[in-house]
């Protein structure tokens, strides 16, 4: 396991809270009005939990709202 580390991005930052051989827990902080680029992971599953505020995901071209 690794210690916490920050990953700075133009839209905010990510904080790696836990990393093992099998998974990574990444807390993502996105500044209001910013957005990440569209991307996908072919060999990785992702789960999202919105702690504060709201956002949306795009899956197969469909915009899906998510909130706390």
C-alpha atoms as a PDB file:
ATOM      1  CA  UNK A   1       0.000   0.000   0.000  1.00  0.00           C
ATOM      2  CA  UNK A   2       1.140   3.530  -0.676  1.00  0.00           C
ATOM      3  CA  UNK A   3       0.783   6.748   1.249  1.00  0.00           C
ATOM      4  CA  UNK A   4      -1.661   9.466   0.158  1.00  0.00           C
ATOM      5  CA  UNK A   5      -0.488  11.474  -2.826  1.00  0.00           C
ATOM      6  CA  UNK A   6      -1.971  14.318  -4.862  1.00  0.00           C
ATOM      7  CA  UNK A   7      -2.379  14.308  -8.614  1.00  0.00           C
ATOM      8  CA  UNK A   8      -2.875  17.867  -9.915  1.00  0.00           C
ATOM      9  CA  UNK A   9      -5.076  18.340 -12.975  1.00  0.00           C
ATOM     10  CA  UNK A  10      -6.298  21.457 -14.857  1.00  0.00           C
ATOM     11  CA  UNK A  11      -9.846  20.854 -13.505  1.00  0.00           C
ATOM     12  CA  UNK A  12      -8.859  20.233  -9.859  1.00  0.00           C
ATOM     13  CA  UNK A  13      -6.982  17.346  -8.321  1.00  0.00           C
ATOM     14  CA  UNK A  14      -7.134  13.700  -7.345  1.00  0.00           C
ATOM     15  CA  UNK A  15      -6.011  12.255  -4.052  1.00  0.00           C
ATOM     16  CA  UNK A  16      -4.926   8.627  -3.966  1.00  0.00           C
ATOM     17  CA  UNK A  17      -6.162   7.443  -0.559  1.00  0.00           C
ATOM     18  CA  UNK A  18      -5.406   3.747  -0.938  1.00  0.00           C
ATOM     19  CA  UNK A  19      -3.600   1.707  -3.562  1.00  0.00           C
ATOM     20  CA  UNK A  20      -3.126  -2.049  -3.644  1.00  0.00           C
ATOM     21  CA  UNK A  21      -2.289  -4.555  -6.357  1.00  0.00           C
ATOM     22  CA  UNK A  22      -6.028  -5.002  -7.057  1.00  0.00           C
ATOM     23  CA  UNK A  23      -7.586  -1.562  -6.674  1.00  0.00           C
ATOM     24  CA  UNK A  24      -7.108   2.169  -6.158  1.00  0.00           C
ATOM     25  CA  UNK A  25      -9.287   4.518  -4.105  1.00  0.00           C
ATOM     26  CA  UNK A  26      -9.043   7.946  -5.728  1.00  0.00           C
ATOM     27  CA  UNK A  27     -10.904  10.925  -4.302  1.00  0.00           C
ATOM     28  CA  UNK A  28     -11.465  13.449  -7.094  1.00  0.00           C
ATOM     29  CA  UNK A  29     -12.037  17.148  -6.414  1.00  0.00           C
ATOM     30  CA  UNK A  30     -13.410  19.032  -9.442  1.00  0.00           C
ATOM     31  CA  UNK A  31     -13.652  22.827  -9.258  1.00  0.00           C
ATOM     32  CA  UNK A  32     -17.124  24.238  -9.878  1.00  0.00           C
ATOM     33  CA  UNK A  33     -17.595  24.954 -13.577  1.00  0.00           C
ATOM     34  CA  UNK A  34     -14.749  22.624 -14.630  1.00  0.00           C
ATOM     35  CA  UNK A  35     -14.959  19.173 -16.173  1.00  0.00           C
ATOM     36  CA  UNK A  36     -12.664  16.252 -16.864  1.00  0.00           C
ATOM     37  CA  UNK A  37     -12.039  14.936 -20.350  1.00  0.00           C
ATOM     38  CA  UNK A  38     -14.104  12.050 -21.679  1.00  0.00           C
ATOM     39  CA  UNK A  39     -12.278   8.767 -21.195  1.00  0.00           C
ATOM     40  CA  UNK A  40     -12.899   5.079 -20.705  1.00  0.00           C
ATOM     41  CA  UNK A  41     -11.120   2.159 -19.122  1.00  0.00           C
ATOM     42  CA  UNK A  42     -11.346  -1.074 -21.078  1.00  0.00           C
ATOM     43  CA  UNK A  43      -9.871  -3.322 -18.364  1.00  0.00           C
ATOM     44  CA  UNK A  44     -11.016  -1.488 -15.244  1.00  0.00           C
ATOM     45  CA  UNK A  45     -14.304  -1.022 -13.406  1.00  0.00           C
ATOM     46  CA  UNK A  46     -15.092   2.348 -11.837  1.00  0.00           C
ATOM     47  CA  UNK A  47     -17.515   3.318  -9.081  1.00  0.00           C
ATOM     48  CA  UNK A  48     -18.504   6.902  -8.305  1.00  0.00           C
ATOM     49  CA  UNK A  49     -19.824   8.322  -5.060  1.00  0.00           C
ATOM     50  CA  UNK A  50     -20.707  12.024  -5.046  1.00  0.00           C
ATOM     51  CA  UNK A  51     -19.989  13.348  -1.566  1.00  0.00           C
ATOM     52  CA  UNK A  52     -21.095  16.936  -2.170  1.00  0.00           C
ATOM     53  CA  UNK A  53     -22.880  18.658  -5.052  1.00  0.00           C
ATOM     54  CA  UNK A  54     -23.882  17.052  -8.313  1.00  0.00           C
ATOM     55  CA  UNK A  55     -22.427  16.107 -11.676  1.00  0.00           C
ATOM     56  CA  UNK A  56     -23.098  13.788 -14.585  1.00  0.00           C
ATOM     57  CA  UNK A  57     -21.569  10.823 -16.347  1.00  0.00           C
ATOM     58  CA  UNK A  58     -21.739  10.070 -20.036  1.00  0.00           C
ATOM     59  CA  UNK A  59     -22.185   6.391 -20.808  1.00  0.00           C
ATOM     60  CA  UNK A  60     -22.711   5.176 -24.375  1.00  0.00           C
ATOM     61  CA  UNK A  61     -23.510   8.758 -25.381  1.00  0.00           C
ATOM     62  CA  UNK A  62     -26.211   9.162 -22.705  1.00  0.00           C
ATOM     63  CA  UNK A  63     -25.802  11.915 -20.092  1.00  0.00           C
ATOM     64  CA  UNK A  64     -26.636  10.513 -16.627  1.00  0.00           C
ATOM     65  CA  UNK A  65     -27.052  12.947 -13.715  1.00  0.00           C
ATOM     66  CA  UNK A  66     -25.488  11.933 -10.393  1.00  0.00           C
ATOM     67  CA  UNK A  67     -25.779  13.609  -6.992  1.00  0.00           C
ATOM     68  CA  UNK A  68     -25.177  13.070  -3.312  1.00  0.00           C
END
